[in-house]
C-alpha cells in the first residue's frame, strides 16, 4: 500500500511537471511536451533553457504517456468486456406459466388454458372469413380491366424473357459453329408466304415494296457513291489521254487544273460517304474515304500501261507487214496437197 501510494504521488508529480491533469488524452501530453521542450531544451534559443529541467520534463513525459496509454487500454478492455457480457448475458425468462398459451389469458393455468382455446377458435374463424372474402372478391373482379392488365403485363414479361433466352441460345450456337453445316447457308431466302413465324401483314408489305422496286435509302446511296467514283476515275483518265506524253508546260498546267477539280470532287464524295456511314445498318458495309492523290497516281499508271501496250501493238503490226509474201506460198502448197488427196481418192 505504501509503494502504491508513492507511485501515485510520483505520477501526480509528473503530471504537475507537464502542467496537466489526470484524465487527459495522449495528444494533450504530446502537445504539452512540445511546448516545454521549445522552452527548456538546451539547444533552443530560449532564455529559460536548462538541461536539468529538460531531463525532468522528458522523464515526466515518458511516464505520463505510458500511464495515459495504460488507462486508455484499460477503458477499452472494460467496454469490450461489458459488451461481451451483455451479448451473452442470460435473460431470465418469464414464469413458466406465462410462457405457454402465447401469453393469452390470466388467472390459474386451467383458466388460462380455456381462454387460450377460445382465442384459437376465434382466430380460426376470422381467418376463414377473410379467405372467403378474398375468394368472392377474386370471382367478382375476375373480368375487370385492372386484373386483365396485370395478367397481360405478366404474360408479356414472360414472353420477353423467353425471347431473350432463345436469342441468347441462338447467339451461343452461332459462336460455337452449330449452324455452319446447314444446307441453305449463304443462299438467299425464299419467299416464305407459308411460314408461320412471319407476320402475314409485314410479309405482304415487304413483298409489295420489293416487287415495285423499292430500295432502302442506304442502298441507293451506296449505288450513287459507286457510280460517282467510277465516273470520276473515267473522267480523269480521259483527261490524261488528251494530253501529250511527255506533257508541255501548257499541258502540265491543264493537268494541274484537272487534278484540282478532281480533288474537290473527291472531297464532296467523302462527305457523302460520311452521310452513308451514319445510316447504313450493317457495320461491315461502311465505307472508307477515297484518297485523291492515290486515285491520280492510279490514273497515271493506267495511262502508262496503255501507252506501253500501244507501242507493242505497233511493233507487232510492222513485223507482220514484212511477212506478207510468205502466207501466199504456204496457201498454194496447201492447195496442191488438197488436190492430190482428191485425185488419190
C-alpha atoms as a PDB file:
ATOM      1  CA  UNK A   1       0.000   0.000   0.000  1.00  0.00           C
ATOM      2  CA  UNK A   2       2.870   2.371   0.844  1.00  0.00           C
ATOM      3  CA  UNK A   3       4.550   1.618  -2.535  1.00  0.00           C
ATOM      4  CA  UNK A   4       1.280   2.135  -4.386  1.00  0.00           C
ATOM      5  CA  UNK A   5       0.721   5.456  -2.635  1.00  0.00           C
ATOM      6  CA  UNK A   6       4.273   6.550  -3.512  1.00  0.00           C
ATOM      7  CA  UNK A   7       3.837   5.592  -7.179  1.00  0.00           C
ATOM      8  CA  UNK A   8       0.545   7.521  -7.369  1.00  0.00           C
ATOM      9  CA  UNK A   9       2.234  10.515  -5.793  1.00  0.00           C
ATOM     10  CA  UNK A  10       5.099  10.311  -8.288  1.00  0.00           C
ATOM     11  CA  UNK A  11       2.637  10.127 -11.230  1.00  0.00           C
ATOM     12  CA  UNK A  12       0.879  13.194  -9.859  1.00  0.00           C
ATOM     13  CA  UNK A  13       4.228  14.992  -9.725  1.00  0.00           C
ATOM     14  CA  UNK A  14       4.884  14.023 -13.340  1.00  0.00           C
ATOM     15  CA  UNK A  15       1.505  15.449 -14.362  1.00  0.00           C
ATOM     16  CA  UNK A  16       2.346  18.636 -12.457  1.00  0.00           C
ATOM     17  CA  UNK A  17       5.707  18.948 -14.265  1.00  0.00           C
ATOM     18  CA  UNK A  18       3.891  18.805 -17.621  1.00  0.00           C
ATOM     19  CA  UNK A  19       1.162  21.194 -16.412  1.00  0.00           C
ATOM     20  CA  UNK A  20      -1.502  18.522 -16.998  1.00  0.00           C
ATOM     21  CA  UNK A  21      -4.290  16.894 -15.034  1.00  0.00           C
ATOM     22  CA  UNK A  22      -5.111  13.222 -14.795  1.00  0.00           C
ATOM     23  CA  UNK A  23      -7.595  12.040 -17.379  1.00  0.00           C
ATOM     24  CA  UNK A  24      -6.039  13.959 -20.263  1.00  0.00           C
ATOM     25  CA  UNK A  25      -5.530  12.407 -23.708  1.00  0.00           C
ATOM     26  CA  UNK A  26      -2.362  11.301 -25.477  1.00  0.00           C
ATOM     27  CA  UNK A  27      -2.482  14.322 -27.783  1.00  0.00           C
ATOM     28  CA  UNK A  28      -2.606  16.664 -24.771  1.00  0.00           C
ATOM     29  CA  UNK A  29       0.539  15.018 -23.350  1.00  0.00           C
ATOM     30  CA  UNK A  30       2.429  15.341 -26.622  1.00  0.00           C
ATOM     31  CA  UNK A  31       1.357  18.927 -27.155  1.00  0.00           C
ATOM     32  CA  UNK A  32       2.460  19.907 -23.621  1.00  0.00           C
ATOM     33  CA  UNK A  33       5.833  18.201 -24.119  1.00  0.00           C
ATOM     34  CA  UNK A  34       6.416  20.091 -27.397  1.00  0.00           C
ATOM     35  CA  UNK A  35       5.770  23.449 -25.729  1.00  0.00           C
ATOM     36  CA  UNK A  36       8.052  22.723 -22.735  1.00  0.00           C
ATOM     37  CA  UNK A  37      10.796  21.305 -24.992  1.00  0.00           C
ATOM     38  CA  UNK A  38      10.849  24.512 -27.055  1.00  0.00           C
ATOM     39  CA  UNK A  39      11.173  26.463 -23.852  1.00  0.00           C
ATOM     40  CA  UNK A  40      13.727  24.402 -21.851  1.00  0.00           C
ATOM     41  CA  UNK A  41      15.708  22.438 -24.440  1.00  0.00           C
ATOM     42  CA  UNK A  42      19.448  23.259 -24.209  1.00  0.00           C
ATOM     43  CA  UNK A  43      19.751  23.798 -27.962  1.00  0.00           C
ATOM     44  CA  UNK A  44      16.835  26.172 -28.124  1.00  0.00           C
ATOM     45  CA  UNK A  45      17.430  29.903 -28.231  1.00  0.00           C
ATOM     46  CA  UNK A  46      15.102  30.452 -25.276  1.00  0.00           C
ATOM     47  CA  UNK A  47      16.391  32.357 -22.260  1.00  0.00           C
ATOM     48  CA  UNK A  48      14.877  29.709 -19.929  1.00  0.00           C
ATOM     49  CA  UNK A  49      16.852  26.828 -21.491  1.00  0.00           C
ATOM     50  CA  UNK A  50      18.084  24.412 -18.825  1.00  0.00           C
ATOM     51  CA  UNK A  51      19.369  20.848 -19.336  1.00  0.00           C
ATOM     52  CA  UNK A  52      18.384  19.601 -15.860  1.00  0.00           C
ATOM     53  CA  UNK A  53      14.843  20.906 -16.216  1.00  0.00           C
ATOM     54  CA  UNK A  54      14.557  19.375 -19.681  1.00  0.00           C
ATOM     55  CA  UNK A  55      15.695  15.969 -18.316  1.00  0.00           C
ATOM     56  CA  UNK A  56      12.926  16.096 -15.676  1.00  0.00           C
ATOM     57  CA  UNK A  57      10.402  17.114 -18.376  1.00  0.00           C
ATOM     58  CA  UNK A  58      11.473  14.239 -20.631  1.00  0.00           C
ATOM     59  CA  UNK A  59      11.221  11.736 -17.773  1.00  0.00           C
ATOM     60  CA  UNK A  60       7.790  13.065 -16.839  1.00  0.00           C
ATOM     61  CA  UNK A  61       6.695  12.856 -20.493  1.00  0.00           C
ATOM     62  CA  UNK A  62       7.640   9.185 -20.802  1.00  0.00           C
ATOM     63  CA  UNK A  63       5.925   8.175 -17.568  1.00  0.00           C
ATOM     64  CA  UNK A  64       2.769  10.244 -18.174  1.00  0.00           C
ATOM     65  CA  UNK A  65       2.460   8.976 -21.720  1.00  0.00           C
ATOM     66  CA  UNK A  66       2.781   5.374 -20.550  1.00  0.00           C
ATOM     67  CA  UNK A  67       0.227   5.987 -17.772  1.00  0.00           C
ATOM     68  CA  UNK A  68      -2.299   7.589 -20.154  1.00  0.00           C
ATOM     69  CA  UNK A  69      -1.994   4.751 -22.687  1.00  0.00           C
ATOM     70  CA  UNK A  70      -2.481   2.156 -19.941  1.00  0.00           C
ATOM     71  CA  UNK A  71      -5.624   3.927 -18.733  1.00  0.00           C
ATOM     72  CA  UNK A  72      -6.946   4.156 -22.311  1.00  0.00           C
ATOM     73  CA  UNK A  73      -6.367   0.462 -22.961  1.00  0.00           C
ATOM     74  CA  UNK A  74      -7.968  -0.413 -19.651  1.00  0.00           C
ATOM     75  CA  UNK A  75     -11.085   1.616 -20.520  1.00  0.00           C
ATOM     76  CA  UNK A  76     -11.303  -0.093 -23.929  1.00  0.00           C
ATOM     77  CA  UNK A  77     -10.976  -3.520 -22.327  1.00  0.00           C
ATOM     78  CA  UNK A  78     -13.709  -2.717 -19.824  1.00  0.00           C
ATOM     79  CA  UNK A  79     -16.038  -1.565 -22.610  1.00  0.00           C
ATOM     80  CA  UNK A  80     -15.377  -4.684 -24.668  1.00  0.00           C
ATOM     81  CA  UNK A  81     -15.931  -6.960 -21.695  1.00  0.00           C
ATOM     82  CA  UNK A  82     -19.180  -5.175 -20.892  1.00  0.00           C
ATOM     83  CA  UNK A  83     -20.371  -5.596 -24.480  1.00  0.00           C
ATOM     84  CA  UNK A  84     -19.471  -9.270 -24.474  1.00  0.00           C
ATOM     85  CA  UNK A  85     -21.296  -9.769 -21.176  1.00  0.00           C
ATOM     86  CA  UNK A  86     -24.388  -8.030 -22.492  1.00  0.00           C
ATOM     87  CA  UNK A  87     -24.201 -10.026 -25.687  1.00  0.00           C
ATOM     88  CA  UNK A  88     -24.047 -13.395 -23.996  1.00  0.00           C
ATOM     89  CA  UNK A  89     -25.977 -12.406 -20.902  1.00  0.00           C
ATOM     90  CA  UNK A  90     -28.668 -14.867 -20.000  1.00  0.00           C
ATOM     91  CA  UNK A  91     -32.045 -13.223 -19.920  1.00  0.00           C
ATOM     92  CA  UNK A  92     -34.141 -14.682 -17.194  1.00  0.00           C
ATOM     93  CA  UNK A  93     -37.369 -15.972 -18.807  1.00  0.00           C
ATOM     94  CA  UNK A  94     -40.773 -15.193 -17.545  1.00  0.00           C
ATOM     95  CA  UNK A  95     -42.586 -17.542 -15.288  1.00  0.00           C
ATOM     96  CA  UNK A  96     -43.231 -20.865 -16.973  1.00  0.00           C
ATOM     97  CA  UNK A  97     -46.994 -20.358 -16.685  1.00  0.00           C
ATOM     98  CA  UNK A  98     -46.771 -17.272 -18.867  1.00  0.00           C
ATOM     99  CA  UNK A  99     -44.509 -18.894 -21.494  1.00  0.00           C
ATOM    100  CA  UNK A 100     -47.352 -21.175 -22.644  1.00  0.00           C
ATOM    101  CA  UNK A 101     -50.674 -20.268 -24.316  1.00  0.00           C
ATOM    102  CA  UNK A 102     -48.887 -17.493 -26.299  1.00  0.00           C
ATOM    103  CA  UNK A 103     -49.246 -15.210 -23.292  1.00  0.00           C
ATOM    104  CA  UNK A 104     -53.063 -15.165 -23.618  1.00  0.00           C
ATOM    105  CA  UNK A 105     -55.357 -15.023 -20.604  1.00  0.00           C
ATOM    106  CA  UNK A 106     -54.973 -14.559 -16.887  1.00  0.00           C
ATOM    107  CA  UNK A 107     -55.732 -16.465 -13.730  1.00  0.00           C
ATOM    108  CA  UNK A 108     -54.887 -20.035 -12.906  1.00  0.00           C
ATOM    109  CA  UNK A 109     -53.334 -22.345 -15.520  1.00  0.00           C
ATOM    110  CA  UNK A 110     -56.659 -24.123 -16.159  1.00  0.00           C
ATOM    111  CA  UNK A 111     -58.474 -20.807 -16.645  1.00  0.00           C
ATOM    112  CA  UNK A 112     -55.746 -19.585 -18.984  1.00  0.00           C
ATOM    113  CA  UNK A 113     -55.970 -22.835 -20.990  1.00  0.00           C
ATOM    114  CA  UNK A 114     -59.729 -22.359 -21.540  1.00  0.00           C
ATOM    115  CA  UNK A 115     -59.185 -18.745 -22.573  1.00  0.00           C
ATOM    116  CA  UNK A 116     -56.450 -19.838 -24.988  1.00  0.00           C
ATOM    117  CA  UNK A 117     -58.731 -22.427 -26.636  1.00  0.00           C
ATOM    118  CA  UNK A 118     -61.388 -19.768 -27.146  1.00  0.00           C
ATOM    119  CA  UNK A 119     -58.765 -17.423 -28.568  1.00  0.00           C
ATOM    120  CA  UNK A 120     -57.631 -20.032 -31.103  1.00  0.00           C
ATOM    121  CA  UNK A 121     -61.217 -20.744 -32.177  1.00  0.00           C
ATOM    122  CA  UNK A 122     -61.939 -17.044 -32.719  1.00  0.00           C
ATOM    123  CA  UNK A 123     -58.706 -16.617 -34.697  1.00  0.00           C
ATOM    124  CA  UNK A 124     -59.524 -19.601 -36.938  1.00  0.00           C
ATOM    125  CA  UNK A 125     -62.999 -18.186 -37.588  1.00  0.00           C
ATOM    126  CA  UNK A 126     -61.536 -14.830 -38.601  1.00  0.00           C
ATOM    127  CA  UNK A 127     -59.074 -16.496 -40.974  1.00  0.00           C
ATOM    128  CA  UNK A 128     -61.860 -18.498 -42.647  1.00  0.00           C
ATOM    129  CA  UNK A 129     -63.963 -15.356 -43.081  1.00  0.00           C
ATOM    130  CA  UNK A 130     -61.018 -13.471 -44.559  1.00  0.00           C
ATOM    131  CA  UNK A 131     -60.318 -16.299 -47.014  1.00  0.00           C
ATOM    132  CA  UNK A 132     -63.947 -16.428 -48.184  1.00  0.00           C
ATOM    133  CA  UNK A 133     -63.965 -12.653 -48.574  1.00  0.00           C
ATOM    134  CA  UNK A 134     -60.868 -12.689 -50.782  1.00  0.00           C
ATOM    135  CA  UNK A 135     -62.289 -15.563 -52.833  1.00  0.00           C
ATOM    136  CA  UNK A 136     -65.505 -13.638 -53.516  1.00  0.00           C
ATOM    137  CA  UNK A 137     -63.532 -10.549 -54.483  1.00  0.00           C
ATOM    138  CA  UNK A 138     -61.447 -12.542 -56.970  1.00  0.00           C
ATOM    139  CA  UNK A 139     -64.570 -14.037 -58.528  1.00  0.00           C
ATOM    140  CA  UNK A 140     -66.278 -10.659 -58.747  1.00  0.00           C
ATOM    141  CA  UNK A 141     -63.336  -8.783 -60.288  1.00  0.00           C
ATOM    142  CA  UNK A 142     -62.014 -11.634 -62.442  1.00  0.00           C
ATOM    143  CA  UNK A 143     -63.064  -9.862 -65.645  1.00  0.00           C
ATOM    144  CA  UNK A 144     -62.184  -6.331 -64.577  1.00  0.00           C
ATOM    145  CA  UNK A 145     -59.835  -4.170 -66.664  1.00  0.00           C
ATOM    146  CA  UNK A 146     -57.225  -3.910 -63.901  1.00  0.00           C
ATOM    147  CA  UNK A 147     -56.939  -7.659 -63.477  1.00  0.00           C
ATOM    148  CA  UNK A 148     -56.684  -8.128 -67.248  1.00  0.00           C
ATOM    149  CA  UNK A 149     -53.927  -5.536 -67.475  1.00  0.00           C
ATOM    150  CA  UNK A 150     -51.977  -7.205 -64.696  1.00  0.00           C
ATOM    151  CA  UNK A 151     -52.407 -10.605 -66.342  1.00  0.00           C
ATOM    152  CA  UNK A 152     -51.373  -9.287 -69.767  1.00  0.00           C
ATOM    153  CA  UNK A 153     -48.346  -7.492 -68.363  1.00  0.00           C
ATOM    154  CA  UNK A 154     -47.260 -10.684 -66.582  1.00  0.00           C
ATOM    155  CA  UNK A 155     -47.683 -12.710 -69.798  1.00  0.00           C
ATOM    156  CA  UNK A 156     -45.757 -10.080 -71.749  1.00  0.00           C
ATOM    157  CA  UNK A 157     -42.865 -10.177 -69.270  1.00  0.00           C
ATOM    158  CA  UNK A 158     -42.743 -13.962 -69.513  1.00  0.00           C
ATOM    159  CA  UNK A 159     -42.781 -13.795 -73.333  1.00  0.00           C
ATOM    160  CA  UNK A 160     -39.985 -11.234 -73.403  1.00  0.00           C
ATOM    161  CA  UNK A 161     -37.901 -13.312 -71.006  1.00  0.00           C
ATOM    162  CA  UNK A 162     -38.367 -16.399 -73.208  1.00  0.00           C
ATOM    163  CA  UNK A 163     -37.443 -14.405 -76.331  1.00  0.00           C
ATOM    164  CA  UNK A 164     -34.256 -13.114 -74.687  1.00  0.00           C
ATOM    165  CA  UNK A 165     -33.361 -16.647 -73.594  1.00  0.00           C
ATOM    166  CA  UNK A 166     -33.911 -18.016 -77.115  1.00  0.00           C
ATOM    167  CA  UNK A 167     -31.869 -15.183 -78.646  1.00  0.00           C
ATOM    168  CA  UNK A 168     -29.005 -15.876 -76.232  1.00  0.00           C
ATOM    169  CA  UNK A 169     -29.087 -19.577 -77.106  1.00  0.00           C
ATOM    170  CA  UNK A 170     -29.045 -18.766 -80.844  1.00  0.00           C
ATOM    171  CA  UNK A 171     -26.076 -16.421 -80.470  1.00  0.00           C
ATOM    172  CA  UNK A 172     -24.214 -19.011 -78.404  1.00  0.00           C
ATOM    173  CA  UNK A 173     -24.855 -21.706 -81.031  1.00  0.00           C
ATOM    174  CA  UNK A 174     -23.687 -19.384 -83.820  1.00  0.00           C
ATOM    175  CA  UNK A 175     -20.484 -18.679 -81.903  1.00  0.00           C
ATOM    176  CA  UNK A 176     -19.873 -22.428 -81.488  1.00  0.00           C
ATOM    177  CA  UNK A 177     -20.467 -23.055 -85.222  1.00  0.00           C
ATOM    178  CA  UNK A 178     -23.553 -25.249 -84.829  1.00  0.00           C
ATOM    179  CA  UNK A 179     -25.203 -23.594 -87.876  1.00  0.00           C
ATOM    180  CA  UNK A 180     -22.232 -23.967 -90.261  1.00  0.00           C
ATOM    181  CA  UNK A 181     -23.430 -27.303 -91.661  1.00  0.00           C
ATOM    182  CA  UNK A 182     -26.875 -26.068 -92.747  1.00  0.00           C
ATOM    183  CA  UNK A 183     -27.799 -26.780 -96.361  1.00  0.00           C
ATOM    184  CA  UNK A 184     -29.061 -23.271 -97.040  1.00  0.00           C
ATOM    185  CA  UNK A 185     -26.127 -21.361 -95.557  1.00  0.00           C
ATOM    186  CA  UNK A 186     -25.020 -18.435 -97.719  1.00  0.00           C
ATOM    187  CA  UNK A 187     -28.027 -18.740-100.060  1.00  0.00           C
ATOM    188  CA  UNK A 188     -30.810 -16.148-100.427  1.00  0.00           C
ATOM    189  CA  UNK A 189     -34.013 -16.784 -98.518  1.00  0.00           C
ATOM    190  CA  UNK A 190     -37.047 -17.899-100.480  1.00  0.00           C
ATOM    191  CA  UNK A 191     -40.360 -16.135-100.319  1.00  0.00           C
ATOM    192  CA  UNK A 192     -41.840 -17.658 -97.180  1.00  0.00           C
ATOM    193  CA  UNK A 193     -45.502 -16.932 -97.846  1.00  0.00           C
ATOM    194  CA  UNK A 194     -46.491 -20.027 -95.882  1.00  0.00           C
ATOM    195  CA  UNK A 195     -44.094 -19.500 -92.999  1.00  0.00           C
ATOM    196  CA  UNK A 196     -45.930 -19.482 -89.675  1.00  0.00           C
ATOM    197  CA  UNK A 197     -43.168 -17.469 -87.963  1.00  0.00           C
ATOM    198  CA  UNK A 198     -43.649 -14.342 -90.108  1.00  0.00           C
ATOM    199  CA  UNK A 199     -46.386 -11.792 -89.621  1.00  0.00           C
ATOM    200  CA  UNK A 200     -48.559 -12.011 -92.779  1.00  0.00           C
ATOM    201  CA  UNK A 201     -49.149  -8.253 -92.889  1.00  0.00           C
ATOM    202  CA  UNK A 202     -45.432  -7.463 -92.623  1.00  0.00           C
ATOM    203  CA  UNK A 203     -44.582 -10.117 -95.215  1.00  0.00           C
ATOM    204  CA  UNK A 204     -47.131  -8.788 -97.709  1.00  0.00           C
ATOM    205  CA  UNK A 205     -45.962  -5.193 -97.250  1.00  0.00           C
ATOM    206  CA  UNK A 206     -42.325  -6.173 -97.828  1.00  0.00           C
ATOM    207  CA  UNK A 207     -43.252  -8.231-100.899  1.00  0.00           C
ATOM    208  CA  UNK A 208     -45.218  -5.331-102.424  1.00  0.00           C
ATOM    209  CA  UNK A 209     -42.333  -2.911-101.825  1.00  0.00           C
ATOM    210  CA  UNK A 210     -39.729  -5.282-103.307  1.00  0.00           C
ATOM    211  CA  UNK A 211     -41.849  -6.139-106.356  1.00  0.00           C
ATOM    212  CA  UNK A 212     -42.315  -2.436-107.112  1.00  0.00           C
ATOM    213  CA  UNK A 213     -38.603  -1.682-106.998  1.00  0.00           C
ATOM    214  CA  UNK A 214     -38.393  -0.070-103.570  1.00  0.00           C
ATOM    215  CA  UNK A 215     -34.914   0.065-102.077  1.00  0.00           C
ATOM    216  CA  UNK A 216     -33.759   1.454 -98.720  1.00  0.00           C
ATOM    217  CA  UNK A 217     -32.025   4.815 -98.643  1.00  0.00           C
ATOM    218  CA  UNK A 218     -28.611   3.408 -97.735  1.00  0.00           C
ATOM    219  CA  UNK A 219     -28.642   1.022-100.731  1.00  0.00           C
ATOM    220  CA  UNK A 220     -29.469   3.869-103.118  1.00  0.00           C
ATOM    221  CA  UNK A 221     -26.717   5.996-101.577  1.00  0.00           C
ATOM    222  CA  UNK A 222     -24.243   3.126-101.876  1.00  0.00           C
ATOM    223  CA  UNK A 223     -25.019   2.758-105.580  1.00  0.00           C
ATOM    224  CA  UNK A 224     -24.677   6.505-106.037  1.00  0.00           C
ATOM    225  CA  UNK A 225     -21.221   6.517-104.392  1.00  0.00           C
ATOM    226  CA  UNK A 226     -20.001   3.609-106.545  1.00  0.00           C
ATOM    227  CA  UNK A 227     -21.256   5.231-109.762  1.00  0.00           C
ATOM    228  CA  UNK A 228     -19.723   8.582-108.818  1.00  0.00           C
ATOM    229  CA  UNK A 229     -16.228   7.218-108.138  1.00  0.00           C
ATOM    230  CA  UNK A 230     -16.237   5.221-111.380  1.00  0.00           C
ATOM    231  CA  UNK A 231     -17.309   8.312-113.315  1.00  0.00           C
ATOM    232  CA  UNK A 232     -14.595  10.434-111.697  1.00  0.00           C
ATOM    233  CA  UNK A 233     -11.942   7.814-112.477  1.00  0.00           C
ATOM    234  CA  UNK A 234     -13.000   7.630-116.125  1.00  0.00           C
ATOM    235  CA  UNK A 235     -13.032  11.424-116.382  1.00  0.00           C
ATOM    236  CA  UNK A 236      -9.507  11.898-115.026  1.00  0.00           C
ATOM    237  CA  UNK A 237      -8.180   9.071-117.248  1.00  0.00           C
ATOM    238  CA  UNK A 238      -9.768  10.588-120.377  1.00  0.00           C
ATOM    239  CA  UNK A 239      -8.321  13.978-119.474  1.00  0.00           C
ATOM    240  CA  UNK A 240      -4.869  12.422-119.201  1.00  0.00           C
ATOM    241  CA  UNK A 241      -5.246  10.692-122.584  1.00  0.00           C
ATOM    242  CA  UNK A 242      -5.983  14.025-124.300  1.00  0.00           C
ATOM    243  CA  UNK A 243      -2.651  15.429-123.131  1.00  0.00           C
ATOM    244  CA  UNK A 244       0.726  14.554-124.654  1.00  0.00           C
ATOM    245  CA  UNK A 245       3.466  12.325-123.373  1.00  0.00           C
ATOM    246  CA  UNK A 246       5.615  13.970-122.171  1.00  0.00           C
ATOM    247  CA  UNK A 247       3.452  16.989-121.439  1.00  0.00           C
ATOM    248  CA  UNK A 248       4.358  20.521-122.462  1.00  0.00           C
ATOM    249  CA  UNK A 249       4.200  23.347-119.893  1.00  0.00           C
ATOM    250  CA  UNK A 250       0.747  24.321-121.170  1.00  0.00           C
ATOM    251  CA  UNK A 251      -0.467  20.724-120.948  1.00  0.00           C
ATOM    252  CA  UNK A 252       1.063  20.411-117.481  1.00  0.00           C
ATOM    253  CA  UNK A 253      -0.894  23.474-116.387  1.00  0.00           C
ATOM    254  CA  UNK A 254      -4.097  21.939-117.782  1.00  0.00           C
ATOM    255  CA  UNK A 255      -3.335  18.686-115.983  1.00  0.00           C
ATOM    256  CA  UNK A 256      -2.879  20.536-112.684  1.00  0.00           C
ATOM    257  CA  UNK A 257      -6.275  22.164-113.123  1.00  0.00           C
ATOM    258  CA  UNK A 258      -7.831  18.751-113.819  1.00  0.00           C
ATOM    259  CA  UNK A 259      -6.214  17.377-110.632  1.00  0.00           C
ATOM    260  CA  UNK A 260      -7.505  20.280-108.533  1.00  0.00           C
ATOM    261  CA  UNK A 261     -11.031  19.755-109.826  1.00  0.00           C
ATOM    262  CA  UNK A 262     -10.715  16.026-109.174  1.00  0.00           C
ATOM    263  CA  UNK A 263      -9.589  16.634-105.567  1.00  0.00           C
ATOM    264  CA  UNK A 264     -12.593  18.907-104.993  1.00  0.00           C
ATOM    265  CA  UNK A 265     -14.960  16.228-106.338  1.00  0.00           C
ATOM    266  CA  UNK A 266     -13.334  13.594-104.099  1.00  0.00           C
ATOM    267  CA  UNK A 267     -13.787  15.900-101.093  1.00  0.00           C
ATOM    268  CA  UNK A 268     -17.525  16.170-101.846  1.00  0.00           C
ATOM    269  CA  UNK A 269     -17.738  12.413-102.320  1.00  0.00           C
ATOM    270  CA  UNK A 270     -16.101  11.808 -98.919  1.00  0.00           C
ATOM    271  CA  UNK A 271     -18.753  13.994 -97.281  1.00  0.00           C
ATOM    272  CA  UNK A 272     -21.359  11.829 -98.953  1.00  0.00           C
ATOM    273  CA  UNK A 273     -19.614   8.750 -97.531  1.00  0.00           C
ATOM    274  CA  UNK A 274     -19.912  10.253 -94.037  1.00  0.00           C
ATOM    275  CA  UNK A 275     -23.677  10.543 -94.516  1.00  0.00           C
ATOM    276  CA  UNK A 276     -23.794   6.974 -95.790  1.00  0.00           C
ATOM    277  CA  UNK A 277     -21.922   5.596 -92.757  1.00  0.00           C
ATOM    278  CA  UNK A 278     -24.451   7.232 -90.415  1.00  0.00           C
ATOM    279  CA  UNK A 279     -27.464   5.423 -91.897  1.00  0.00           C
ATOM    280  CA  UNK A 280     -26.044   2.064 -93.003  1.00  0.00           C
ATOM    281  CA  UNK A 281     -27.457  -0.629 -90.651  1.00  0.00           C
ATOM    282  CA  UNK A 282     -24.566  -3.079 -91.090  1.00  0.00           C
ATOM    283  CA  UNK A 283     -21.189  -2.129 -89.670  1.00  0.00           C
ATOM    284  CA  UNK A 284     -19.246  -4.140 -92.245  1.00  0.00           C
ATOM    285  CA  UNK A 285     -20.892  -2.199 -95.091  1.00  0.00           C
ATOM    286  CA  UNK A 286     -19.419   1.138 -94.020  1.00  0.00           C
ATOM    287  CA  UNK A 287     -17.023   2.781 -96.459  1.00  0.00           C
ATOM    288  CA  UNK A 288     -13.663   4.494 -96.034  1.00  0.00           C
ATOM    289  CA  UNK A 289     -12.697   7.809 -97.617  1.00  0.00           C
ATOM    290  CA  UNK A 290     -11.086   7.958-101.037  1.00  0.00           C
ATOM    291  CA  UNK A 291      -7.597   9.460-101.365  1.00  0.00           C
ATOM    292  CA  UNK A 292      -7.368  11.907-104.287  1.00  0.00           C
ATOM    293  CA  UNK A 293      -3.589  11.527-104.677  1.00  0.00           C
ATOM    294  CA  UNK A 294      -3.833   7.742-104.816  1.00  0.00           C
ATOM    295  CA  UNK A 295      -6.581   7.948-107.418  1.00  0.00           C
ATOM    296  CA  UNK A 296      -4.481  10.332-109.577  1.00  0.00           C
ATOM    297  CA  UNK A 297      -1.465   8.023-109.292  1.00  0.00           C
ATOM    298  CA  UNK A 298      -3.693   5.122-110.287  1.00  0.00           C
ATOM    299  CA  UNK A 299      -4.851   7.013-113.410  1.00  0.00           C
ATOM    300  CA  UNK A 300      -1.214   7.797-114.313  1.00  0.00           C
ATOM    301  CA  UNK A 301      -0.238   4.110-114.049  1.00  0.00           C
ATOM    302  CA  UNK A 302      -3.196   3.045-116.197  1.00  0.00           C
ATOM    303  CA  UNK A 303      -2.226   5.629-118.827  1.00  0.00           C
ATOM    304  CA  UNK A 304       1.403   4.439-118.867  1.00  0.00           C
ATOM    305  CA  UNK A 305       0.231   0.848-119.245  1.00  0.00           C
ATOM    306  CA  UNK A 306      -1.963   1.838-122.194  1.00  0.00           C
ATOM    307  CA  UNK A 307       0.978   3.632-123.844  1.00  0.00           C
ATOM    308  CA  UNK A 308       3.243   0.591-123.485  1.00  0.00           C
ATOM    309  CA  UNK A 309       0.529  -1.699-124.853  1.00  0.00           C
ATOM    310  CA  UNK A 310       0.029   0.541-127.884  1.00  0.00           C
ATOM    311  CA  UNK A 311       3.767   0.574-128.596  1.00  0.00           C
ATOM    312  CA  UNK A 312       3.900  -3.231-128.508  1.00  0.00           C
ATOM    313  CA  UNK A 313       0.915  -3.487-130.850  1.00  0.00           C
ATOM    314  CA  UNK A 314       2.518  -1.058-133.324  1.00  0.00           C
ATOM    315  CA  UNK A 315       5.736  -3.077-133.283  1.00  0.00           C
ATOM    316  CA  UNK A 316       3.885  -6.342-133.950  1.00  0.00           C
ATOM    317  CA  UNK A 317       1.942  -4.780-136.845  1.00  0.00           C
ATOM    318  CA  UNK A 318       5.222  -3.678-138.530  1.00  0.00           C
ATOM    319  CA  UNK A 319       6.625  -7.185-138.192  1.00  0.00           C
ATOM    320  CA  UNK A 320       3.533  -8.682-139.826  1.00  0.00           C
ATOM    321  CA  UNK A 321       3.810  -6.348-142.837  1.00  0.00           C
ATOM    322  CA  UNK A 322       7.297  -7.732-143.639  1.00  0.00           C
ATOM    323  CA  UNK A 323       5.983 -11.300-143.795  1.00  0.00           C
ATOM    324  CA  UNK A 324       3.075 -10.692-146.192  1.00  0.00           C
ATOM    325  CA  UNK A 325       4.594 -12.801-149.070  1.00  0.00           C
ATOM    326  CA  UNK A 326       5.148 -15.959-147.045  1.00  0.00           C
ATOM    327  CA  UNK A 327       1.464 -16.678-146.389  1.00  0.00           C
ATOM    328  CA  UNK A 328       0.794 -16.750-150.163  1.00  0.00           C
ATOM    329  CA  UNK A 329       3.375 -19.515-150.755  1.00  0.00           C
ATOM    330  CA  UNK A 330       2.012 -21.528-147.857  1.00  0.00           C
ATOM    331  CA  UNK A 331      -1.518 -21.194-149.204  1.00  0.00           C
ATOM    332  CA  UNK A 332      -0.529 -22.510-152.662  1.00  0.00           C
ATOM    333  CA  UNK A 333       1.302 -25.503-151.185  1.00  0.00           C
ATOM    334  CA  UNK A 334      -1.720 -26.415-149.119  1.00  0.00           C
ATOM    335  CA  UNK A 335      -3.954 -26.200-152.185  1.00  0.00           C
ATOM    336  CA  UNK A 336      -1.711 -28.660-154.075  1.00  0.00           C
ATOM    337  CA  UNK A 337      -1.851 -31.097-151.152  1.00  0.00           C
ATOM    338  CA  UNK A 338      -5.654 -30.966-151.039  1.00  0.00           C
ATOM    339  CA  UNK A 339      -5.873 -31.549-154.843  1.00  0.00           C
ATOM    340  CA  UNK A 340      -3.578 -34.543-154.618  1.00  0.00           C
ATOM    341  CA  UNK A 341      -5.758 -36.079-151.893  1.00  0.00           C
ATOM    342  CA  UNK A 342      -8.828 -35.679-154.093  1.00  0.00           C
ATOM    343  CA  UNK A 343      -7.073 -37.316-157.058  1.00  0.00           C
ATOM    344  CA  UNK A 344      -5.921 -40.192-154.901  1.00  0.00           C
ATOM    345  CA  UNK A 345      -9.443 -40.851-153.646  1.00  0.00           C
END
